[in-house]
């Protein structure tokens, strides 16, 4: 697994270092940081246009995040999210 992994999803940058997923929203959006030990990931099936909704929620109290990932961005985002999901598995 790469030590540092980054991918753009629309106007957001997802960065994963093997333990922490950070989402940086541009321009002027909120940024989120999730440790994989406290993360639940949900990925919906693609809609008619191929977009997927990804839900990121902490297992304990905290703020969740939803990403609507386009069909164009999905091939780059899917491997990163799979590495995050594997790191978050019990």
PDB file of N, CA and C in Angstrom:
ATOM      1  N   UNK A   1       0.848  -1.178   0.000  1.00  0.00           N
ATOM      2  CA  UNK A   1       0.000   0.000   0.000  1.00  0.00           C
ATOM      3  C   UNK A   1       0.893   1.240   0.000  1.00  0.00           C
ATOM      4  N   UNK A   2       0.618   2.210  -0.857  1.00  0.00           N
ATOM      5  CA  UNK A   2       1.428   3.421  -0.872  1.00  0.00           C
ATOM      6  C   UNK A   2       1.336   4.177   0.451  1.00  0.00           C
ATOM      7  N   UNK A   3       2.420   4.819   0.837  1.00  0.00           N
ATOM      8  CA  UNK A   3       2.441   5.594   2.082  1.00  0.00           C
ATOM      9  C   UNK A   3       1.512   6.792   1.972  1.00  0.00           C
ATOM     10  N   UNK A   4       1.504   7.435   0.833  1.00  0.00           N
ATOM     11  CA  UNK A   4       0.632   8.589   0.605  1.00  0.00           C
ATOM     12  C   UNK A   4      -0.123   8.357  -0.694  1.00  0.00           C
ATOM     13  N   UNK A   5      -1.415   8.526  -0.641  1.00  0.00           N
ATOM     14  CA  UNK A   5      -2.275   8.253  -1.774  1.00  0.00           C
ATOM     15  C   UNK A   5      -3.254   9.412  -1.896  1.00  0.00           C
ATOM     16  N   UNK A   6      -3.353  10.013  -3.077  1.00  0.00           N
ATOM     17  CA  UNK A   6      -4.251  11.145  -3.288  1.00  0.00           C
ATOM     18  C   UNK A   6      -5.009  10.968  -4.595  1.00  0.00           C
ATOM     19  N   UNK A   7      -6.260  11.430  -4.590  1.00  0.00           N
ATOM     20  CA  UNK A   7      -7.054  11.419  -5.811  1.00  0.00           C
ATOM     21  C   UNK A   7      -8.056  12.572  -5.743  1.00  0.00           C
ATOM     22  N   UNK A   8      -8.275  13.215  -6.890  1.00  0.00           N
ATOM     23  CA  UNK A   8      -9.277  14.267  -6.992  1.00  0.00           C
ATOM     24  C   UNK A   8     -10.612  13.637  -7.356  1.00  0.00           C
ATOM     25  N   UNK A   9     -11.664  14.077  -6.674  1.00  0.00           N
ATOM     26  CA  UNK A   9     -13.041  13.674  -6.950  1.00  0.00           C
ATOM     27  C   UNK A   9     -13.816  14.972  -7.089  1.00  0.00           C
ATOM     28  N   UNK A  10     -14.078  15.355  -8.324  1.00  0.00           N
ATOM     29  CA  UNK A  10     -14.715  16.658  -8.552  1.00  0.00           C
ATOM     30  C   UNK A  10     -13.818  17.751  -8.005  1.00  0.00           C
ATOM     31  N   UNK A  11     -14.362  18.578  -7.100  1.00  0.00           N
ATOM     32  CA  UNK A  11     -13.600  19.673  -6.506  1.00  0.00           C
ATOM     33  C   UNK A  11     -13.021  19.314  -5.145  1.00  0.00           C
ATOM     34  N   UNK A  12     -12.967  18.029  -4.823  1.00  0.00           N
ATOM     35  CA  UNK A  12     -12.441  17.594  -3.521  1.00  0.00           C
ATOM     36  C   UNK A  12     -11.226  16.706  -3.716  1.00  0.00           C
ATOM     37  N   UNK A  13     -10.269  16.857  -2.815  1.00  0.00           N
ATOM     38  CA  UNK A  13      -9.075  16.024  -2.823  1.00  0.00           C
ATOM     39  C   UNK A  13      -9.179  15.026  -1.681  1.00  0.00           C
ATOM     40  N   UNK A  14      -9.053  13.743  -2.006  1.00  0.00           N
ATOM     41  CA  UNK A  14      -9.023  12.690  -1.007  1.00  0.00           C
ATOM     42  C   UNK A  14      -7.577  12.276  -0.823  1.00  0.00           C
ATOM     43  N   UNK A  15      -7.106  12.277   0.410  1.00  0.00           N
ATOM     44  CA  UNK A  15      -5.726  11.900   0.710  1.00  0.00           C
ATOM     45  C   UNK A  15      -5.751  10.826   1.792  1.00  0.00           C
ATOM     46  N   UNK A  16      -4.987   9.743   1.581  1.00  0.00           N
ATOM     47  CA  UNK A  16      -4.967   8.625   2.518  1.00  0.00           C
ATOM     48  C   UNK A  16      -3.521   8.216   2.767  1.00  0.00           C
ATOM     49  N   UNK A  17      -3.151   8.128   4.052  1.00  0.00           N
ATOM     50  CA  UNK A  17      -1.774   7.773   4.402  1.00  0.00           C
ATOM     51  C   UNK A  17      -1.637   6.361   4.969  1.00  0.00           C
ATOM     52  N   UNK A  18      -2.696   5.578   4.861  1.00  0.00           N
ATOM     53  CA  UNK A  18      -2.674   4.229   5.395  1.00  0.00           C
ATOM     54  C   UNK A  18      -3.478   4.091   6.677  1.00  0.00           C
ATOM     55  N   UNK A  19      -3.703   5.203   7.375  1.00  0.00           N
ATOM     56  CA  UNK A  19      -4.486   5.199   8.614  1.00  0.00           C
ATOM     57  C   UNK A  19      -5.520   6.316   8.674  1.00  0.00           C
ATOM     58  N   UNK A  20      -5.252   7.429   8.023  1.00  0.00           N
ATOM     59  CA  UNK A  20      -6.133   8.596   8.096  1.00  0.00           C
ATOM     60  C   UNK A  20      -6.559   9.001   6.690  1.00  0.00           C
ATOM     61  N   UNK A  21      -7.880   9.165   6.512  1.00  0.00           N
ATOM     62  CA  UNK A  21      -8.434   9.682   5.276  1.00  0.00           C
ATOM     63  C   UNK A  21      -8.787  11.142   5.500  1.00  0.00           C
ATOM     64  N   UNK A  22      -8.289  12.002   4.632  1.00  0.00           N
ATOM     65  CA  UNK A  22      -8.616  13.428   4.703  1.00  0.00           C
ATOM     66  C   UNK A  22      -9.318  13.816   3.409  1.00  0.00           C
ATOM     67  N   UNK A  23     -10.361  14.633   3.541  1.00  0.00           N
ATOM     68  CA  UNK A  23     -11.083  15.152   2.395  1.00  0.00           C
ATOM     69  C   UNK A  23     -10.985  16.666   2.459  1.00  0.00           C
ATOM     70  N   UNK A  24     -10.369  17.236   1.442  1.00  0.00           N
ATOM     71  CA  UNK A  24     -10.202  18.685   1.368  1.00  0.00           C
ATOM     72  C   UNK A  24     -11.146  19.217   0.306  1.00  0.00           C
ATOM     73  N   UNK A  25     -12.101  20.045   0.710  1.00  0.00           N
ATOM     74  CA  UNK A  25     -13.060  20.610  -0.224  1.00  0.00           C
ATOM     75  C   UNK A  25     -12.571  21.922  -0.790  1.00  0.00           C
ATOM     76  N   UNK A  26     -12.717  22.087  -2.104  1.00  0.00           N
ATOM     77  CA  UNK A  26     -12.314  23.314  -2.776  1.00  0.00           C
ATOM     78  C   UNK A  26     -13.456  23.779  -3.648  1.00  0.00           C
ATOM     79  N   UNK A  27     -13.616  25.042  -3.872  1.00  0.00           N
ATOM     80  CA  UNK A  27     -13.071  26.150  -3.092  1.00  0.00           C
ATOM     81  C   UNK A  27     -14.004  26.479  -1.929  1.00  0.00           C
ATOM     82  N   UNK A  28     -13.453  26.738  -0.810  1.00  0.00           N
ATOM     83  CA  UNK A  28     -14.188  27.217   0.352  1.00  0.00           C
ATOM     84  C   UNK A  28     -15.111  26.215   1.023  1.00  0.00           C
ATOM     85  N   UNK A  29     -14.958  24.925   0.751  1.00  0.00           N
ATOM     86  CA  UNK A  29     -15.784  23.916   1.393  1.00  0.00           C
ATOM     87  C   UNK A  29     -15.088  23.416   2.645  1.00  0.00           C
ATOM     88  N   UNK A  30     -15.829  22.656   3.453  1.00  0.00           N
ATOM     89  CA  UNK A  30     -15.252  22.077   4.664  1.00  0.00           C
ATOM     90  C   UNK A  30     -14.252  20.989   4.321  1.00  0.00           C
ATOM     91  N   UNK A  31     -13.363  20.721   5.259  1.00  0.00           N
ATOM     92  CA  UNK A  31     -12.439  19.611   5.161  1.00  0.00           C
ATOM     93  C   UNK A  31     -12.739  18.647   6.300  1.00  0.00           C
ATOM     94  N   UNK A  32     -12.534  17.354   6.045  1.00  0.00           N
ATOM     95  CA  UNK A  32     -12.824  16.319   7.026  1.00  0.00           C
ATOM     96  C   UNK A  32     -11.618  15.421   7.180  1.00  0.00           C
ATOM     97  N   UNK A  33     -11.498  14.831   8.370  1.00  0.00           N
ATOM     98  CA  UNK A  33     -10.394  13.914   8.668  1.00  0.00           C
ATOM     99  C   UNK A  33     -10.973  12.744   9.452  1.00  0.00           C
ATOM    100  N   UNK A  34     -10.726  11.533   8.970  1.00  0.00           N
ATOM    101  CA  UNK A  34     -11.245  10.328   9.610  1.00  0.00           C
ATOM    102  C   UNK A  34     -10.109   9.326   9.818  1.00  0.00           C
ATOM    103  N   UNK A  35      -9.971   8.828  11.025  1.00  0.00           N
ATOM    104  CA  UNK A  35      -9.042   7.733  11.291  1.00  0.00           C
ATOM    105  C   UNK A  35      -9.779   6.443  10.959  1.00  0.00           C
ATOM    106  N   UNK A  36      -9.108   5.522  10.285  1.00  0.00           N
ATOM    107  CA  UNK A  36      -9.787   4.310   9.837  1.00  0.00           C
ATOM    108  C   UNK A  36     -10.328   3.470  10.998  1.00  0.00           C
ATOM    109  N   UNK A  37      -9.743   3.579  12.194  1.00  0.00           N
ATOM    110  CA  UNK A  37     -10.247   2.828  13.351  1.00  0.00           C
ATOM    111  C   UNK A  37     -11.631   3.324  13.776  1.00  0.00           C
ATOM    112  N   UNK A  38     -12.033   4.500  13.316  1.00  0.00           N
ATOM    113  CA  UNK A  38     -13.309   5.096  13.712  1.00  0.00           C
ATOM    114  C   UNK A  38     -14.164   5.441  12.487  1.00  0.00           C
ATOM    115  N   UNK A  39     -14.083   4.622  11.426  1.00  0.00           N
ATOM    116  CA  UNK A  39     -14.729   4.991  10.175  1.00  0.00           C
ATOM    117  C   UNK A  39     -15.621   3.869   9.648  1.00  0.00           C
ATOM    118  N   UNK A  40     -16.809   4.263   9.204  1.00  0.00           N
ATOM    119  CA  UNK A  40     -17.734   3.375   8.497  1.00  0.00           C
ATOM    120  C   UNK A  40     -17.917   3.961   7.100  1.00  0.00           C
ATOM    121  N   UNK A  41     -17.750   3.121   6.077  1.00  0.00           N
ATOM    122  CA  UNK A  41     -17.880   3.572   4.692  1.00  0.00           C
ATOM    123  C   UNK A  41     -19.047   2.843   4.038  1.00  0.00           C
ATOM    124  N   UNK A  42     -19.921   3.604   3.403  1.00  0.00           N
ATOM    125  CA  UNK A  42     -21.022   3.033   2.635  1.00  0.00           C
ATOM    126  C   UNK A  42     -20.939   3.526   1.207  1.00  0.00           C
ATOM    127  N   UNK A  43     -21.053   2.614   0.252  1.00  0.00           N
ATOM    128  CA  UNK A  43     -20.997   2.973  -1.164  1.00  0.00           C
ATOM    129  C   UNK A  43     -22.267   2.466  -1.830  1.00  0.00           C
ATOM    130  N   UNK A  44     -23.029   3.389  -2.409  1.00  0.00           N
ATOM    131  CA  UNK A  44     -24.253   3.027  -3.115  1.00  0.00           C
ATOM    132  C   UNK A  44     -23.921   2.513  -4.510  1.00  0.00           C
ATOM    133  N   UNK A  45     -24.851   1.756  -5.064  1.00  0.00           N
ATOM    134  CA  UNK A  45     -24.738   1.322  -6.456  1.00  0.00           C
ATOM    135  C   UNK A  45     -24.842   2.559  -7.353  1.00  0.00           C
ATOM    136  N   UNK A  46     -24.269   2.505  -8.557  1.00  0.00           N
ATOM    137  CA  UNK A  46     -24.348   3.671  -9.438  1.00  0.00           C
ATOM    138  C   UNK A  46     -25.790   3.997  -9.833  1.00  0.00           C
ATOM    139  N   UNK A  47     -26.066   5.296  -9.964  1.00  0.00           N
ATOM    140  CA  UNK A  47     -27.381   5.718 -10.440  1.00  0.00           C
ATOM    141  C   UNK A  47     -27.410   5.614 -11.967  1.00  0.00           C
ATOM    142  N   UNK A  48     -28.473   6.107 -12.587  1.00  0.00           N
ATOM    143  CA  UNK A  48     -28.617   5.997 -14.051  1.00  0.00           C
ATOM    144  C   UNK A  48     -27.506   6.706 -14.811  1.00  0.00           C
ATOM    145  N   UNK A  49     -26.887   7.705 -14.196  1.00  0.00           N
ATOM    146  CA  UNK A  49     -25.804   8.439 -14.853  1.00  0.00           C
ATOM    147  C   UNK A  49     -24.436   7.913 -14.458  1.00  0.00           C
ATOM    148  N   UNK A  50     -24.399   6.842 -13.666  1.00  0.00           N
ATOM    149  CA  UNK A  50     -23.128   6.241 -13.268  1.00  0.00           C
ATOM    150  C   UNK A  50     -22.495   6.846 -12.036  1.00  0.00           C
ATOM    151  N   UNK A  51     -23.181   7.804 -11.395  1.00  0.00           N
ATOM    152  CA  UNK A  51     -22.635   8.430 -10.183  1.00  0.00           C
ATOM    153  C   UNK A  51     -22.866   7.519  -8.989  1.00  0.00           C
ATOM    154  N   UNK A  52     -21.940   7.563  -8.033  1.00  0.00           N
ATOM    155  CA  UNK A  52     -22.059   6.783  -6.806  1.00  0.00           C
ATOM    156  C   UNK A  52     -22.011   7.719  -5.605  1.00  0.00           C
ATOM    157  N   UNK A  53     -22.870   7.450  -4.634  1.00  0.00           N
ATOM    158  CA  UNK A  53     -22.863   8.189  -3.382  1.00  0.00           C
ATOM    159  C   UNK A  53     -22.026   7.393  -2.385  1.00  0.00           C
ATOM    160  N   UNK A  54     -21.038   8.056  -1.800  1.00  0.00           N
ATOM    161  CA  UNK A  54     -20.182   7.432  -0.787  1.00  0.00           C
ATOM    162  C   UNK A  54     -20.439   8.152   0.523  1.00  0.00           C
ATOM    163  N   UNK A  55     -20.839   7.391   1.543  1.00  0.00           N
ATOM    164  CA  UNK A  55     -21.105   7.928   2.881  1.00  0.00           C
ATOM    165  C   UNK A  55     -19.928   7.580   3.790  1.00  0.00           C
ATOM    166  N   UNK A  56     -19.377   8.577   4.442  1.00  0.00           N
ATOM    167  CA  UNK A  56     -18.303   8.387   5.416  1.00  0.00           C
ATOM    168  C   UNK A  56     -18.833   8.855   6.764  1.00  0.00           C
ATOM    169  N   UNK A  57     -18.845   7.940   7.741  1.00  0.00           N
ATOM    170  CA  UNK A  57     -19.385   8.276   9.062  1.00  0.00           C
ATOM    171  C   UNK A  57     -18.460   7.742  10.140  1.00  0.00           C
ATOM    172  N   UNK A  58     -18.294   8.503  11.207  1.00  0.00           N
ATOM    173  CA  UNK A  58     -17.528   7.974  12.334  1.00  0.00           C
ATOM    174  C   UNK A  58     -18.349   6.939  13.093  1.00  0.00           C
ATOM    175  N   UNK A  59     -17.663   5.927  13.648  1.00  0.00           N
ATOM    176  CA  UNK A  59     -18.340   4.914  14.466  1.00  0.00           C
ATOM    177  C   UNK A  59     -18.850   5.523  15.766  1.00  0.00           C
ATOM    178  N   UNK A  60     -18.137   6.515  16.249  1.00  0.00           N
ATOM    179  CA  UNK A  60     -18.537   7.211  17.464  1.00  0.00           C
ATOM    180  C   UNK A  60     -19.052   8.590  17.087  1.00  0.00           C
ATOM    181  N   UNK A  61     -19.326   9.405  18.071  1.00  0.00           N
ATOM    182  CA  UNK A  61     -19.848  10.751  17.834  1.00  0.00           C
ATOM    183  C   UNK A  61     -18.919  11.544  16.918  1.00  0.00           C
ATOM    184  N   UNK A  62     -19.506  12.247  15.977  1.00  0.00           N
ATOM    185  CA  UNK A  62     -18.721  13.072  15.058  1.00  0.00           C
ATOM    186  C   UNK A  62     -19.529  13.420  13.831  1.00  0.00           C
ATOM    187  N   UNK A  63     -18.892  14.095  12.898  1.00  0.00           N
ATOM    188  CA  UNK A  63     -19.537  14.604  11.690  1.00  0.00           C
ATOM    189  C   UNK A  63     -19.272  13.655  10.527  1.00  0.00           C
ATOM    190  N   UNK A  64     -20.329  13.317   9.808  1.00  0.00           N
ATOM    191  CA  UNK A  64     -20.205  12.487   8.628  1.00  0.00           C
ATOM    192  C   UNK A  64     -20.059  13.331   7.373  1.00  0.00           C
ATOM    193  N   UNK A  65     -19.833  12.656   6.265  1.00  0.00           N
ATOM    194  CA  UNK A  65     -19.594  13.331   4.992  1.00  0.00           C
ATOM    195  C   UNK A  65     -20.167  12.447   3.887  1.00  0.00           C
ATOM    196  N   UNK A  66     -20.723  13.057   2.860  1.00  0.00           N
ATOM    197  CA  UNK A  66     -21.216  12.328   1.692  1.00  0.00           C
ATOM    198  C   UNK A  66     -20.542  12.885   0.447  1.00  0.00           C
ATOM    199  N   UNK A  67     -20.045  11.988  -0.381  1.00  0.00           N
ATOM    200  CA  UNK A  67     -19.417  12.367  -1.643  1.00  0.00           C
ATOM    201  C   UNK A  67     -20.231  11.783  -2.782  1.00  0.00           C
ATOM    202  N   UNK A  68     -20.573  12.599  -3.760  1.00  0.00           N
ATOM    203  CA  UNK A  68     -21.249  12.133  -4.956  1.00  0.00           C
ATOM    204  C   UNK A  68     -20.173  12.040  -6.034  1.00  0.00           C
ATOM    205  N   UNK A  69     -19.753  10.820  -6.356  1.00  0.00           N
ATOM    206  CA  UNK A  69     -18.610  10.619  -7.245  1.00  0.00           C
ATOM    207  C   UNK A  69     -19.107  10.281  -8.645  1.00  0.00           C
ATOM    208  N   UNK A  70     -18.663  11.067  -9.623  1.00  0.00           N
ATOM    209  CA  UNK A  70     -19.093  10.886 -11.009  1.00  0.00           C
ATOM    210  C   UNK A  70     -18.495   9.612 -11.603  1.00  0.00           C
ATOM    211  N   UNK A  71     -19.087   9.168 -12.696  1.00  0.00           N
ATOM    212  CA  UNK A  71     -18.572   7.981 -13.381  1.00  0.00           C
ATOM    213  C   UNK A  71     -17.162   8.227 -13.921  1.00  0.00           C
ATOM    214  N   UNK A  72     -16.835   9.472 -14.252  1.00  0.00           N
ATOM    215  CA  UNK A  72     -15.488   9.800 -14.734  1.00  0.00           C
ATOM    216  C   UNK A  72     -14.456   9.711 -13.615  1.00  0.00           C
ATOM    217  N   UNK A  73     -14.833  10.094 -12.393  1.00  0.00           N
ATOM    218  CA  UNK A  73     -13.902  10.088 -11.262  1.00  0.00           C
ATOM    219  C   UNK A  73     -13.828   8.733 -10.560  1.00  0.00           C
ATOM    220  N   UNK A  74     -14.836   7.876 -10.750  1.00  0.00           N
ATOM    221  CA  UNK A  74     -14.897   6.610 -10.013  1.00  0.00           C
ATOM    222  C   UNK A  74     -13.677   5.707 -10.236  1.00  0.00           C
ATOM    223  N   UNK A  75     -13.159   5.536 -11.470  1.00  0.00           N
ATOM    224  CA  UNK A  75     -12.010   4.646 -11.645  1.00  0.00           C
ATOM    225  C   UNK A  75     -10.785   5.047 -10.812  1.00  0.00           C
ATOM    226  N   UNK A  76     -10.584   6.329 -10.564  1.00  0.00           N
ATOM    227  CA  UNK A  76      -9.476   6.774  -9.721  1.00  0.00           C
ATOM    228  C   UNK A  76      -9.788   6.676  -8.240  1.00  0.00           C
ATOM    229  N   UNK A  77     -11.060   6.906  -7.882  1.00  0.00           N
ATOM    230  CA  UNK A  77     -11.452   6.909  -6.473  1.00  0.00           C
ATOM    231  C   UNK A  77     -11.648   5.504  -5.916  1.00  0.00           C
ATOM    232  N   UNK A  78     -12.123   4.570  -6.722  1.00  0.00           N
ATOM    233  CA  UNK A  78     -12.454   3.228  -6.237  1.00  0.00           C
ATOM    234  C   UNK A  78     -11.272   2.515  -5.576  1.00  0.00           C
ATOM    235  N   UNK A  79     -10.074   2.506  -6.181  1.00  0.00           N
ATOM    236  CA  UNK A  79      -8.951   1.820  -5.527  1.00  0.00           C
ATOM    237  C   UNK A  79      -8.571   2.465  -4.190  1.00  0.00           C
ATOM    238  N   UNK A  80      -8.592   3.783  -4.120  1.00  0.00           N
ATOM    239  CA  UNK A  80      -8.275   4.472  -2.863  1.00  0.00           C
ATOM    240  C   UNK A  80      -9.307   4.123  -1.797  1.00  0.00           C
ATOM    241  N   UNK A  81     -10.585   4.168  -2.158  1.00  0.00           N
ATOM    242  CA  UNK A  81     -11.639   3.850  -1.182  1.00  0.00           C
ATOM    243  C   UNK A  81     -11.561   2.394  -0.752  1.00  0.00           C
ATOM    244  N   UNK A  82     -11.154   1.502  -1.630  1.00  0.00           N
ATOM    245  CA  UNK A  82     -11.004   0.093  -1.256  1.00  0.00           C
ATOM    246  C   UNK A  82      -9.860  -0.076  -0.248  1.00  0.00           C
ATOM    247  N   UNK A  83      -8.775   0.672  -0.424  1.00  0.00           N
ATOM    248  CA  UNK A  83      -7.665   0.629   0.555  1.00  0.00           C
ATOM    249  C   UNK A  83      -8.115   1.195   1.897  1.00  0.00           C
ATOM    250  N   UNK A  84      -8.924   2.264   1.869  1.00  0.00           N
ATOM    251  CA  UNK A  84      -9.466   2.833   3.118  1.00  0.00           C
ATOM    252  C   UNK A  84     -10.374   1.814   3.781  1.00  0.00           C
ATOM    253  N   UNK A  85     -11.250   1.193   3.020  1.00  0.00           N
ATOM    254  CA  UNK A  85     -12.175   0.192   3.563  1.00  0.00           C
ATOM    255  C   UNK A  85     -11.407  -0.982   4.173  1.00  0.00           C
ATOM    256  N   UNK A  86     -10.365  -1.436   3.522  1.00  0.00           N
ATOM    257  CA  UNK A  86      -9.560  -2.543   4.056  1.00  0.00           C
ATOM    258  C   UNK A  86      -8.895  -2.143   5.374  1.00  0.00           C
ATOM    259  N   UNK A  87      -8.405  -0.912   5.443  1.00  0.00           N
ATOM    260  CA  UNK A  87      -7.761  -0.430   6.680  1.00  0.00           C
ATOM    261  C   UNK A  87      -8.780  -0.252   7.805  1.00  0.00           C
ATOM    262  N   UNK A  88     -10.040   0.027   7.457  1.00  0.00           N
ATOM    263  CA  UNK A  88     -11.077   0.257   8.458  1.00  0.00           C
ATOM    264  C   UNK A  88     -11.715  -1.040   8.944  1.00  0.00           C
ATOM    265  N   UNK A  89     -11.453  -2.147   8.244  1.00  0.00           N
ATOM    266  CA  UNK A  89     -12.067  -3.428   8.613  1.00  0.00           C
ATOM    267  C   UNK A  89     -11.557  -3.884   9.991  1.00  0.00           C
ATOM    268  N   UNK A  90     -12.450  -4.475  10.779  1.00  0.00           N
ATOM    269  CA  UNK A  90     -12.038  -4.920  12.125  1.00  0.00           C
ATOM    270  C   UNK A  90     -11.045  -6.063  12.086  1.00  0.00           C
TER     271      UNK A  90
END
